[in-house]
Amino acid sequence: MKRLLTPILCLSVAFLFSACNRLGGGGSASSSSSSSAVSSEDIPETHNVTYRGTVQELGVTIYMQGTHALALGDGRMLILESSVVDLETYLDHEVEVFGSLRPTVEAGGIIMRVERITDLSPESSESSASSVSSLRSSSVTSTASSVSVAATSRSSAVSVASSARSSIPSSQALSSAPASTDAGMEARIVLMSKQDLSERNWTQEYCSEHVSFCVPVHRNWWFVSFGNTTRTLWHVEVSSESFEGMGSGPISIDLVGGDLSGHSDGEVSVSGGVVTGYRAWTQGRHIEIQADARLEAAVRYMTQSLRATE
């Protein structure tokens, strides 16, 4: 009798041990799946990105995110979502959206969290930008460096281009706020000089239709276009943080009249603690990118990568 019980007991123990192993494995798989789900939600974003296109209804897609789509004109589509801008208001309008990008959970898509939007449609009486507070200005009467930005038609687009191409609403971009203090400027220069300037981090572009050029901008930086000024034909500034007043950005990009006057196209020179990059341009004009000498690497990259719009 003992001989019979012994094999039966051994088989029972082996069966229970195997069953426990299977249960343990299932628990591990469940934990792994949960961890994967959490990580898919924690996708890093690329900030301060601008796109131009036409707002459309998202319709039925494979993507479970977003509320609207931006048709980019070349067959591509950008998914849009926003908690601060009423995207439905701009349905079928040509707009410029500004915000943060990330991949969709479903493979192959890109979604933007829209923070601001500028209406570029012809029927719009003026380019008006929605700020984070969702307030849209119906008219712009501020001035910057004696430049009027009151817009009544598309023919005045040059004077209000800062509202269309700025990284912040036009009513703020052309405000008469004082420039940064010396200490503030120094802090921005130091911060920008410590950035990783690898090519992969230049994910933004400032582009002007009126001047027809595009220049790369680091993914962590902000830019503001002030349009034509008393000194330049076109003026853009770049900083490590959001800013308003002219003269607050450590890096300036200027379209000026005249040829290069002894400088070669693509040249970058340092003199008196200031670095300047030169690019020849059309109609007897040229572009100068200028900053503190500590930002030489950034100015060199921007100068060499500046291109004409397509």
C-alpha atoms as a PDB file:
ATOM      1  CA  MET A   1       0.000   0.000   0.000  1.00  0.00           C
ATOM      2  CA  LYS A   2       2.852   2.376   0.865  1.00  0.00           C
ATOM      3  CA  ARG A   3       4.493   1.616  -2.495  1.00  0.00           C
ATOM      4  CA  LEU A   4       1.301   2.689  -4.301  1.00  0.00           C
ATOM      5  CA  LEU A   5       0.796   5.931  -2.353  1.00  0.00           C
ATOM      6  CA  THR A   6       4.321   7.171  -2.865  1.00  0.00           C
ATOM      7  CA  PRO A   7       4.137   7.563  -6.707  1.00  0.00           C
ATOM      8  CA  ILE A   8       0.677   9.139  -6.456  1.00  0.00           C
ATOM      9  CA  LEU A   9       1.922  11.687  -3.897  1.00  0.00           C
ATOM     10  CA  CYS A  10       4.931  12.584  -6.053  1.00  0.00           C
ATOM     11  CA  LEU A  11       2.770  13.119  -9.125  1.00  0.00           C
ATOM     12  CA  SER A  12       0.405  15.370  -7.182  1.00  0.00           C
ATOM     13  CA  VAL A  13       3.238  17.542  -5.896  1.00  0.00           C
ATOM     14  CA  ALA A  14       4.711  17.872  -9.400  1.00  0.00           C
ATOM     15  CA  PHE A  15       1.330  18.902 -10.834  1.00  0.00           C
ATOM     16  CA  LEU A  16       0.785  21.561  -8.174  1.00  0.00           C
ATOM     17  CA  PHE A  17       4.309  22.933  -8.687  1.00  0.00           C
ATOM     18  CA  SER A  18       3.737  23.189 -12.451  1.00  0.00           C
ATOM     19  CA  ALA A  19       0.394  24.953 -11.942  1.00  0.00           C
ATOM     20  CA  CYS A  20       1.982  27.495  -9.602  1.00  0.00           C
ATOM     21  CA  ASN A  21       4.674  28.232 -12.173  1.00  0.00           C
ATOM     22  CA  ARG A  22       2.056  28.907 -14.852  1.00  0.00           C
ATOM     23  CA  LEU A  23       0.180  31.289 -12.563  1.00  0.00           C
ATOM     24  CA  GLY A  24       3.387  33.098 -11.675  1.00  0.00           C
ATOM     25  CA  GLY A  25       4.263  33.538 -15.354  1.00  0.00           C
ATOM     26  CA  GLY A  26       0.816  34.989 -16.053  1.00  0.00           C
ATOM     27  CA  GLY A  27       1.268  37.527 -13.274  1.00  0.00           C
ATOM     28  CA  SER A  28       4.599  38.616 -14.707  1.00  0.00           C
ATOM     29  CA  ALA A  29       3.140  39.102 -18.193  1.00  0.00           C
ATOM     30  CA  SER A  30       0.322  41.167 -16.774  1.00  0.00           C
ATOM     31  CA  SER A  31       2.765  43.389 -14.937  1.00  0.00           C
ATOM     32  CA  SER A  32       4.857  43.838 -18.085  1.00  0.00           C
ATOM     33  CA  SER A  33       1.791  44.778 -20.121  1.00  0.00           C
ATOM     34  CA  SER A  34       0.738  47.327 -17.521  1.00  0.00           C
ATOM     35  CA  SER A  35       4.209  48.859 -17.514  1.00  0.00           C
ATOM     36  CA  SER A  36       4.142  49.108 -21.313  1.00  0.00           C
ATOM     37  CA  ALA A  37       0.776  50.856 -21.223  1.00  0.00           C
ATOM     38  CA  VAL A  38       2.045  53.419 -18.763  1.00  0.00           C
ATOM     39  CA  SER A  39       5.177  54.155 -20.799  1.00  0.00           C
ATOM     40  CA  SER A  40       3.144  54.682 -23.983  1.00  0.00           C
ATOM     41  CA  GLU A  41       1.277  57.477 -22.253  1.00  0.00           C
ATOM     42  CA  ASP A  42       4.495  59.119 -21.095  1.00  0.00           C
ATOM     43  CA  ILE A  43       5.768  60.038 -24.578  1.00  0.00           C
ATOM     44  CA  PRO A  44       8.154  63.040 -24.651  1.00  0.00           C
ATOM     45  CA  GLU A  45       6.990  66.072 -26.615  1.00  0.00           C
ATOM     46  CA  THR A  46       8.816  68.409 -28.968  1.00  0.00           C
ATOM     47  CA  HIS A  47       7.878  71.924 -27.909  1.00  0.00           C
ATOM     48  CA  ASN A  48       7.495  75.244 -29.769  1.00  0.00           C
ATOM     49  CA  VAL A  49       6.619  73.772 -33.169  1.00  0.00           C
ATOM     50  CA  THR A  50       4.724  75.627 -35.914  1.00  0.00           C
ATOM     51  CA  TYR A  51       2.758  74.189 -38.845  1.00  0.00           C
ATOM     52  CA  ARG A  52       0.565  75.786 -41.500  1.00  0.00           C
ATOM     53  CA  GLY A  53      -2.421  74.167 -43.156  1.00  0.00           C
ATOM     54  CA  THR A  54      -6.209  73.864 -43.260  1.00  0.00           C
ATOM     55  CA  VAL A  55      -8.229  72.722 -40.261  1.00  0.00           C
ATOM     56  CA  GLN A  56     -10.519  69.791 -41.041  1.00  0.00           C
ATOM     57  CA  GLU A  57     -12.781  67.441 -39.162  1.00  0.00           C
ATOM     58  CA  LEU A  58     -10.861  64.381 -38.046  1.00  0.00           C
ATOM     59  CA  GLY A  59     -13.622  61.992 -39.100  1.00  0.00           C
ATOM     60  CA  VAL A  60     -13.250  58.231 -38.788  1.00  0.00           C
ATOM     61  CA  THR A  61      -9.589  57.182 -38.527  1.00  0.00           C
ATOM     62  CA  ILE A  62      -7.490  54.509 -36.880  1.00  0.00           C
ATOM     63  CA  TYR A  63      -6.310  57.101 -34.389  1.00  0.00           C
ATOM     64  CA  MET A  64      -8.064  57.237 -31.042  1.00  0.00           C
ATOM     65  CA  GLN A  65      -6.659  60.675 -30.179  1.00  0.00           C
ATOM     66  CA  GLY A  66      -7.352  64.254 -31.235  1.00  0.00           C
ATOM     67  CA  THR A  67     -10.462  66.103 -32.357  1.00  0.00           C
ATOM     68  CA  HIS A  68      -9.399  67.727 -35.636  1.00  0.00           C
ATOM     69  CA  ALA A  69      -6.823  67.392 -38.400  1.00  0.00           C
ATOM     70  CA  LEU A  70      -4.537  69.862 -40.157  1.00  0.00           C
ATOM     71  CA  ALA A  71      -4.155  69.229 -43.890  1.00  0.00           C
ATOM     72  CA  LEU A  72      -0.622  70.358 -44.760  1.00  0.00           C
ATOM     73  CA  GLY A  73      -1.136  70.686 -48.510  1.00  0.00           C
ATOM     74  CA  ASP A  74       1.332  67.981 -49.526  1.00  0.00           C
ATOM     75  CA  GLY A  75      -0.879  65.029 -48.663  1.00  0.00           C
ATOM     76  CA  ARG A  76       0.259  64.803 -45.049  1.00  0.00           C
ATOM     77  CA  MET A  77      -2.070  65.195 -42.088  1.00  0.00           C
ATOM     78  CA  LEU A  78      -1.346  66.406 -38.565  1.00  0.00           C
ATOM     79  CA  ILE A  79      -3.765  65.413 -35.800  1.00  0.00           C
ATOM     80  CA  LEU A  80      -4.806  68.254 -33.508  1.00  0.00           C
ATOM     81  CA  GLU A  81      -6.057  68.500 -29.950  1.00  0.00           C
ATOM     82  CA  SER A  82      -6.380  71.450 -27.587  1.00  0.00           C
ATOM     83  CA  SER A  83      -7.793  72.303 -24.213  1.00  0.00           C
ATOM     84  CA  VAL A  84      -7.261  76.059 -24.644  1.00  0.00           C
ATOM     85  CA  VAL A  85      -8.219  76.777 -28.282  1.00  0.00           C
ATOM     86  CA  ASP A  86     -11.638  76.163 -29.868  1.00  0.00           C
ATOM     87  CA  LEU A  87     -10.471  74.343 -32.999  1.00  0.00           C
ATOM     88  CA  GLU A  88     -14.024  74.043 -34.332  1.00  0.00           C
ATOM     89  CA  THR A  89     -14.037  77.830 -34.834  1.00  0.00           C
ATOM     90  CA  TYR A  90     -11.319  77.467 -37.479  1.00  0.00           C
ATOM     91  CA  LEU A  91     -12.884  74.600 -39.428  1.00  0.00           C
ATOM     92  CA  ASP A  92     -11.944  74.871 -43.150  1.00  0.00           C
ATOM     93  CA  HIS A  93      -9.761  77.920 -42.387  1.00  0.00           C
ATOM     94  CA  GLU A  94      -6.140  78.236 -43.412  1.00  0.00           C
ATOM     95  CA  VAL A  95      -4.274  78.660 -40.146  1.00  0.00           C
ATOM     96  CA  GLU A  96      -0.913  78.484 -38.457  1.00  0.00           C
ATOM     97  CA  VAL A  97      -0.845  76.340 -35.338  1.00  0.00           C
ATOM     98  CA  PHE A  98       1.744  76.498 -32.593  1.00  0.00           C
ATOM     99  CA  GLY A  99       2.237  73.891 -29.887  1.00  0.00           C
ATOM    100  CA  SER A 100       3.911  70.636 -28.896  1.00  0.00           C
ATOM    101  CA  LEU A 101       4.284  67.464 -30.974  1.00  0.00           C
ATOM    102  CA  ARG A 102       4.377  63.816 -29.973  1.00  0.00           C
ATOM    103  CA  PRO A 103       3.803  60.478 -31.740  1.00  0.00           C
ATOM    104  CA  THR A 104       0.320  59.008 -31.517  1.00  0.00           C
ATOM    105  CA  VAL A 105      -0.235  55.812 -29.555  1.00  0.00           C
ATOM    106  CA  GLU A 106      -1.100  54.134 -32.861  1.00  0.00           C
ATOM    107  CA  ALA A 107       1.980  53.827 -35.044  1.00  0.00           C
ATOM    108  CA  GLY A 108       2.591  56.273 -37.855  1.00  0.00           C
ATOM    109  CA  GLY A 109       0.771  59.356 -36.607  1.00  0.00           C
ATOM    110  CA  ILE A 110       1.796  62.713 -35.156  1.00  0.00           C
ATOM    111  CA  ILE A 111      -0.426  64.747 -32.841  1.00  0.00           C
ATOM    112  CA  MET A 112      -0.047  68.384 -31.818  1.00  0.00           C
ATOM    113  CA  ARG A 113      -1.275  69.843 -28.541  1.00  0.00           C
ATOM    114  CA  VAL A 114      -2.253  73.265 -29.894  1.00  0.00           C
ATOM    115  CA  GLU A 115      -1.429  76.206 -27.642  1.00  0.00           C
ATOM    116  CA  ARG A 116      -2.009  79.053 -30.095  1.00  0.00           C
ATOM    117  CA  ILE A 117      -3.528  79.463 -33.519  1.00  0.00           C
ATOM    118  CA  THR A 118      -3.395  82.219 -36.135  1.00  0.00           C
ATOM    119  CA  ASP A 119      -6.155  82.583 -38.725  1.00  0.00           C
ATOM    120  CA  LEU A 120      -4.657  83.182 -42.193  1.00  0.00           C
ATOM    121  CA  SER A 121      -7.864  82.821 -44.226  1.00  0.00           C
ATOM    122  CA  PRO A 122      -8.591  85.584 -46.758  1.00  0.00           C
ATOM    123  CA  GLU A 123     -12.037  86.103 -45.267  1.00  0.00           C
ATOM    124  CA  SER A 124     -10.492  86.998 -41.963  1.00  0.00           C
ATOM    125  CA  SER A 125     -10.333  90.782 -41.647  1.00  0.00           C
ATOM    126  CA  GLU A 126      -6.951  90.453 -39.987  1.00  0.00           C
ATOM    127  CA  SER A 127      -4.602  87.797 -38.698  1.00  0.00           C
ATOM    128  CA  SER A 128      -5.738  87.113 -35.148  1.00  0.00           C
ATOM    129  CA  ALA A 129      -3.992  84.808 -32.702  1.00  0.00           C
ATOM    130  CA  SER A 130      -5.541  82.759 -29.924  1.00  0.00           C
ATOM    131  CA  SER A 131      -3.476  82.832 -26.741  1.00  0.00           C
ATOM    132  CA  VAL A 132      -3.357  80.247 -23.981  1.00  0.00           C
ATOM    133  CA  SER A 133      -6.267  82.036 -22.366  1.00  0.00           C
ATOM    134  CA  SER A 134      -8.258  81.520 -25.613  1.00  0.00           C
ATOM    135  CA  LEU A 135      -8.700  85.272 -26.108  1.00  0.00           C
ATOM    136  CA  ARG A 136      -8.481  86.446 -29.714  1.00  0.00           C
ATOM    137  CA  SER A 137      -7.727  90.052 -30.560  1.00  0.00           C
ATOM    138  CA  SER A 138     -10.089  91.605 -33.112  1.00  0.00           C
ATOM    139  CA  SER A 139      -7.721  94.442 -33.946  1.00  0.00           C
ATOM    140  CA  VAL A 140      -4.076  95.201 -33.352  1.00  0.00           C
ATOM    141  CA  THR A 141      -3.158  98.790 -32.656  1.00  0.00           C
ATOM    142  CA  SER A 142       0.150  98.318 -30.857  1.00  0.00           C
ATOM    143  CA  THR A 143       3.288  99.580 -32.543  1.00  0.00           C
ATOM    144  CA  ALA A 144       6.893  98.465 -32.393  1.00  0.00           C
ATOM    145  CA  SER A 145       9.709 100.652 -33.607  1.00  0.00           C
ATOM    146  CA  SER A 146       7.264 102.959 -35.399  1.00  0.00           C
ATOM    147  CA  VAL A 147       5.741 100.078 -37.388  1.00  0.00           C
ATOM    148  CA  SER A 148       1.970 100.150 -37.587  1.00  0.00           C
ATOM    149  CA  VAL A 149       0.331  96.755 -37.389  1.00  0.00           C
ATOM    150  CA  ALA A 150      -3.264  97.788 -37.961  1.00  0.00           C
ATOM    151  CA  ALA A 151      -4.376  95.289 -40.588  1.00  0.00           C
ATOM    152  CA  THR A 152      -7.395  95.725 -42.822  1.00  0.00           C
ATOM    153  CA  SER A 153      -6.652  93.414 -45.733  1.00  0.00           C
ATOM    154  CA  ARG A 154      -4.262  90.822 -47.053  1.00  0.00           C
ATOM    155  CA  SER A 155      -2.256  93.578 -48.781  1.00  0.00           C
ATOM    156  CA  SER A 156      -1.042  94.706 -45.352  1.00  0.00           C
ATOM    157  CA  ALA A 157       0.376  91.262 -44.563  1.00  0.00           C
ATOM    158  CA  VAL A 158       3.974  92.523 -44.515  1.00  0.00           C
ATOM    159  CA  SER A 159       3.321  94.882 -41.627  1.00  0.00           C
ATOM    160  CA  VAL A 160       1.490  92.233 -39.616  1.00  0.00           C
ATOM    161  CA  ALA A 161       3.673  89.266 -40.472  1.00  0.00           C
ATOM    162  CA  SER A 162       4.859  89.144 -36.903  1.00  0.00           C
ATOM    163  CA  SER A 163       1.354  88.086 -35.897  1.00  0.00           C
ATOM    164  CA  ALA A 164       1.322  85.394 -38.543  1.00  0.00           C
ATOM    165  CA  ARG A 165       4.835  84.088 -38.050  1.00  0.00           C
ATOM    166  CA  SER A 166       5.447  84.826 -34.356  1.00  0.00           C
ATOM    167  CA  SER A 167       5.674  82.122 -31.729  1.00  0.00           C
ATOM    168  CA  ILE A 168       3.363  84.182 -29.485  1.00  0.00           C
ATOM    169  CA  PRO A 169       0.192  86.208 -30.211  1.00  0.00           C
ATOM    170  CA  SER A 170       0.714  89.385 -32.220  1.00  0.00           C
ATOM    171  CA  SER A 171      -0.750  91.623 -29.530  1.00  0.00           C
ATOM    172  CA  GLN A 172       2.078  90.447 -27.293  1.00  0.00           C
ATOM    173  CA  ALA A 173       4.856  90.116 -29.862  1.00  0.00           C
ATOM    174  CA  LEU A 174       4.638  93.773 -30.884  1.00  0.00           C
ATOM    175  CA  SER A 175       4.038  95.182 -27.435  1.00  0.00           C
ATOM    176  CA  SER A 176       6.093  98.053 -26.124  1.00  0.00           C
ATOM    177  CA  ALA A 177       7.312  96.031 -23.146  1.00  0.00           C
ATOM    178  CA  PRO A 178      10.861  96.969 -22.088  1.00  0.00           C
ATOM    179  CA  ALA A 179      13.748  94.770 -23.144  1.00  0.00           C
ATOM    180  CA  SER A 180      15.329  92.329 -20.732  1.00  0.00           C
ATOM    181  CA  THR A 181      17.701  93.570 -18.075  1.00  0.00           C
ATOM    182  CA  ASP A 182      21.398  92.921 -18.544  1.00  0.00           C
ATOM    183  CA  ALA A 183      21.230  90.203 -15.888  1.00  0.00           C
ATOM    184  CA  GLY A 184      18.288  88.546 -17.633  1.00  0.00           C
ATOM    185  CA  MET A 185      20.015  88.623 -21.006  1.00  0.00           C
ATOM    186  CA  GLU A 186      23.175  87.162 -19.503  1.00  0.00           C
ATOM    187  CA  ALA A 187      21.191  84.303 -17.978  1.00  0.00           C
ATOM    188  CA  ARG A 188      19.593  83.517 -21.336  1.00  0.00           C
ATOM    189  CA  ILE A 189      22.925  83.559 -23.136  1.00  0.00           C
ATOM    190  CA  VAL A 190      24.472  81.201 -20.598  1.00  0.00           C
ATOM    191  CA  LEU A 191      21.489  78.833 -20.780  1.00  0.00           C
ATOM    192  CA  MET A 192      21.497  78.771 -24.587  1.00  0.00           C
ATOM    193  CA  SER A 193      25.267  78.228 -24.720  1.00  0.00           C
ATOM    194  CA  LYS A 194      24.859  75.055 -22.653  1.00  0.00           C
ATOM    195  CA  GLN A 195      22.264  73.472 -24.950  1.00  0.00           C
ATOM    196  CA  ASP A 196      22.969  70.284 -26.859  1.00  0.00           C
ATOM    197  CA  LEU A 197      23.283  71.630 -30.399  1.00  0.00           C
ATOM    198  CA  SER A 198      23.240  68.249 -32.126  1.00  0.00           C
ATOM    199  CA  GLU A 199      21.339  68.306 -35.410  1.00  0.00           C
ATOM    200  CA  ARG A 200      18.563  66.146 -33.961  1.00  0.00           C
ATOM    201  CA  ASN A 201      17.601  68.974 -31.590  1.00  0.00           C
ATOM    202  CA  TRP A 202      16.961  71.568 -34.322  1.00  0.00           C
ATOM    203  CA  THR A 203      13.353  70.477 -34.814  1.00  0.00           C
ATOM    204  CA  GLN A 204      11.756  73.882 -35.399  1.00  0.00           C
ATOM    205  CA  GLU A 205      11.913  76.391 -38.245  1.00  0.00           C
ATOM    206  CA  TYR A 206      11.057  80.051 -38.487  1.00  0.00           C
ATOM    207  CA  CYS A 207       9.812  80.743 -42.008  1.00  0.00           C
ATOM    208  CA  SER A 208       8.661  83.999 -43.572  1.00  0.00           C
ATOM    209  CA  GLU A 209       6.579  83.977 -46.721  1.00  0.00           C
ATOM    210  CA  HIS A 210       7.210  87.663 -47.302  1.00  0.00           C
ATOM    211  CA  VAL A 211      10.979  87.430 -47.130  1.00  0.00           C
ATOM    212  CA  SER A 212      10.925  83.817 -48.394  1.00  0.00           C
ATOM    213  CA  PHE A 213      13.494  82.274 -46.089  1.00  0.00           C
ATOM    214  CA  CYS A 214      13.500  79.624 -43.362  1.00  0.00           C
ATOM    215  CA  VAL A 215      16.009  79.320 -40.533  1.00  0.00           C
ATOM    216  CA  PRO A 216      16.247  76.409 -38.055  1.00  0.00           C
ATOM    217  CA  VAL A 217      15.440  76.959 -34.382  1.00  0.00           C
ATOM    218  CA  HIS A 218      16.470  74.722 -31.489  1.00  0.00           C
ATOM    219  CA  ARG A 219      13.652  72.632 -30.039  1.00  0.00           C
ATOM    220  CA  ASN A 220      13.916  74.351 -26.629  1.00  0.00           C
ATOM    221  CA  TRP A 221      13.954  77.929 -27.906  1.00  0.00           C
ATOM    222  CA  TRP A 222      11.297  80.520 -28.697  1.00  0.00           C
ATOM    223  CA  PHE A 223      11.200  82.974 -31.579  1.00  0.00           C
ATOM    224  CA  VAL A 224       9.353  86.210 -32.320  1.00  0.00           C
ATOM    225  CA  SER A 225       9.167  88.065 -35.639  1.00  0.00           C
ATOM    226  CA  PHE A 226       8.887  91.847 -35.399  1.00  0.00           C
ATOM    227  CA  GLY A 227       8.587  92.412 -39.145  1.00  0.00           C
ATOM    228  CA  ASN A 228      10.232  95.466 -40.700  1.00  0.00           C
ATOM    229  CA  THR A 229      11.786  97.976 -38.319  1.00  0.00           C
ATOM    230  CA  THR A 230      13.428 101.364 -38.589  1.00  0.00           C
ATOM    231  CA  ARG A 231      16.829  99.662 -38.909  1.00  0.00           C
ATOM    232  CA  THR A 232      16.095  96.488 -40.849  1.00  0.00           C
ATOM    233  CA  LEU A 233      13.832  95.173 -43.581  1.00  0.00           C
ATOM    234  CA  TRP A 234      12.917  92.182 -41.393  1.00  0.00           C
ATOM    235  CA  HIS A 235      13.771  91.403 -37.781  1.00  0.00           C
ATOM    236  CA  VAL A 236      13.453  88.124 -35.837  1.00  0.00           C
ATOM    237  CA  GLU A 237      14.734  87.266 -32.357  1.00  0.00           C
ATOM    238  CA  VAL A 238      15.368  83.906 -30.668  1.00  0.00           C
ATOM    239  CA  SER A 239      15.560  83.205 -26.945  1.00  0.00           C
ATOM    240  CA  SER A 240      15.660  80.346 -24.469  1.00  0.00           C
ATOM    241  CA  GLU A 241      12.275  81.334 -23.076  1.00  0.00           C
ATOM    242  CA  SER A 242       9.066  83.092 -24.041  1.00  0.00           C
ATOM    243  CA  PHE A 243       9.516  86.851 -24.451  1.00  0.00           C
ATOM    244  CA  GLU A 244       7.761  89.942 -25.770  1.00  0.00           C
ATOM    245  CA  GLY A 245       9.763  93.128 -26.167  1.00  0.00           C
ATOM    246  CA  MET A 246      12.194  93.736 -28.995  1.00  0.00           C
ATOM    247  CA  GLY A 247      15.782  93.348 -27.831  1.00  0.00           C
ATOM    248  CA  SER A 248      14.983  90.487 -25.460  1.00  0.00           C
ATOM    249  CA  GLY A 249      16.293  87.671 -27.668  1.00  0.00           C
ATOM    250  CA  PRO A 250      20.027  86.833 -27.500  1.00  0.00           C
ATOM    251  CA  ILE A 251      20.036  85.813 -31.179  1.00  0.00           C
ATOM    252  CA  SER A 252      18.807  88.209 -33.884  1.00  0.00           C
ATOM    253  CA  ILE A 253      18.109  87.468 -37.537  1.00  0.00           C
ATOM    254  CA  ASP A 254      17.983  90.512 -39.797  1.00  0.00           C
ATOM    255  CA  LEU A 255      17.321  91.127 -43.457  1.00  0.00           C
ATOM    256  CA  VAL A 256      19.210  94.285 -44.406  1.00  0.00           C
ATOM    257  CA  GLY A 257      19.723  96.264 -47.591  1.00  0.00           C
ATOM    258  CA  GLY A 258      22.958  96.175 -49.550  1.00  0.00           C
ATOM    259  CA  ASP A 259      25.356  93.420 -50.531  1.00  0.00           C
ATOM    260  CA  LEU A 260      27.693  91.542 -48.196  1.00  0.00           C
ATOM    261  CA  SER A 261      30.288  94.353 -48.323  1.00  0.00           C
ATOM    262  CA  GLY A 262      33.469  92.313 -48.063  1.00  0.00           C
ATOM    263  CA  HIS A 263      31.952  89.248 -46.420  1.00  0.00           C
ATOM    264  CA  SER A 264      31.366  85.969 -48.230  1.00  0.00           C
ATOM    265  CA  ASP A 265      28.126  84.032 -48.385  1.00  0.00           C
ATOM    266  CA  GLY A 266      27.972  81.660 -45.389  1.00  0.00           C
ATOM    267  CA  GLU A 267      30.821  83.370 -43.551  1.00  0.00           C
ATOM    268  CA  VAL A 268      30.719  83.444 -39.736  1.00  0.00           C
ATOM    269  CA  SER A 269      33.027  85.916 -38.001  1.00  0.00           C
ATOM    270  CA  VAL A 270      33.661  86.925 -34.390  1.00  0.00           C
ATOM    271  CA  SER A 271      34.625  90.475 -33.472  1.00  0.00           C
ATOM    272  CA  GLY A 272      34.392  92.429 -30.231  1.00  0.00           C
ATOM    273  CA  GLY A 273      32.609  89.607 -28.418  1.00  0.00           C
ATOM    274  CA  VAL A 274      29.902  89.376 -31.091  1.00  0.00           C
ATOM    275  CA  VAL A 275      29.459  86.599 -33.643  1.00  0.00           C
ATOM    276  CA  THR A 276      27.815  87.346 -36.995  1.00  0.00           C
ATOM    277  CA  GLY A 277      26.771  84.968 -39.745  1.00  0.00           C
ATOM    278  CA  TYR A 278      26.272  86.317 -43.286  1.00  0.00           C
ATOM    279  CA  ARG A 279      24.070  85.038 -46.109  1.00  0.00           C
ATOM    280  CA  ALA A 280      23.586  86.679 -49.490  1.00  0.00           C
ATOM    281  CA  TRP A 281      19.971  87.252 -50.474  1.00  0.00           C
ATOM    282  CA  THR A 282      17.912  88.465 -53.400  1.00  0.00           C
ATOM    283  CA  GLN A 283      17.434  91.971 -54.799  1.00  0.00           C
ATOM    284  CA  GLY A 284      20.690  93.351 -53.445  1.00  0.00           C
ATOM    285  CA  ARG A 285      19.946  92.380 -49.833  1.00  0.00           C
ATOM    286  CA  HIS A 286      21.613  90.077 -47.317  1.00  0.00           C
ATOM    287  CA  ILE A 287      20.826  88.350 -44.018  1.00  0.00           C
ATOM    288  CA  GLU A 288      22.817  88.713 -40.812  1.00  0.00           C
ATOM    289  CA  ILE A 289      22.467  86.357 -37.814  1.00  0.00           C
ATOM    290  CA  GLN A 290      24.074  87.907 -34.755  1.00  0.00           C
ATOM    291  CA  ALA A 291      24.610  86.971 -31.093  1.00  0.00           C
ATOM    292  CA  ASP A 292      27.043  86.985 -28.194  1.00  0.00           C
ATOM    293  CA  ALA A 293      30.257  85.174 -29.159  1.00  0.00           C
ATOM    294  CA  ARG A 294      29.422  82.385 -26.703  1.00  0.00           C
ATOM    295  CA  LEU A 295      26.625  81.371 -29.074  1.00  0.00           C
ATOM    296  CA  GLU A 296      28.966  80.984 -32.046  1.00  0.00           C
ATOM    297  CA  ALA A 297      28.104  77.304 -32.574  1.00  0.00           C
ATOM    298  CA  ALA A 298      24.376  78.081 -32.729  1.00  0.00           C
ATOM    299  CA  VAL A 299      24.859  81.028 -35.094  1.00  0.00           C
ATOM    300  CA  ARG A 300      27.111  78.935 -37.323  1.00  0.00           C
ATOM    301  CA  TYR A 301      24.510  76.164 -37.594  1.00  0.00           C
ATOM    302  CA  MET A 302      21.681  78.621 -38.294  1.00  0.00           C
ATOM    303  CA  THR A 303      23.736  80.472 -40.899  1.00  0.00           C
ATOM    304  CA  GLN A 304      24.746  77.350 -42.765  1.00  0.00           C
ATOM    305  CA  SER A 305      21.241  75.830 -42.621  1.00  0.00           C
ATOM    306  CA  LEU A 306      19.264  78.936 -43.616  1.00  0.00           C
ATOM    307  CA  ARG A 307      17.369  78.241 -46.825  1.00  0.00           C
ATOM    308  CA  ALA A 308      14.892  79.770 -49.239  1.00  0.00           C
ATOM    309  CA  THR A 309      11.259  78.725 -48.802  1.00  0.00           C
ATOM    310  CA  GLU A 310       9.983  76.186 -51.274  1.00  0.00           C
END
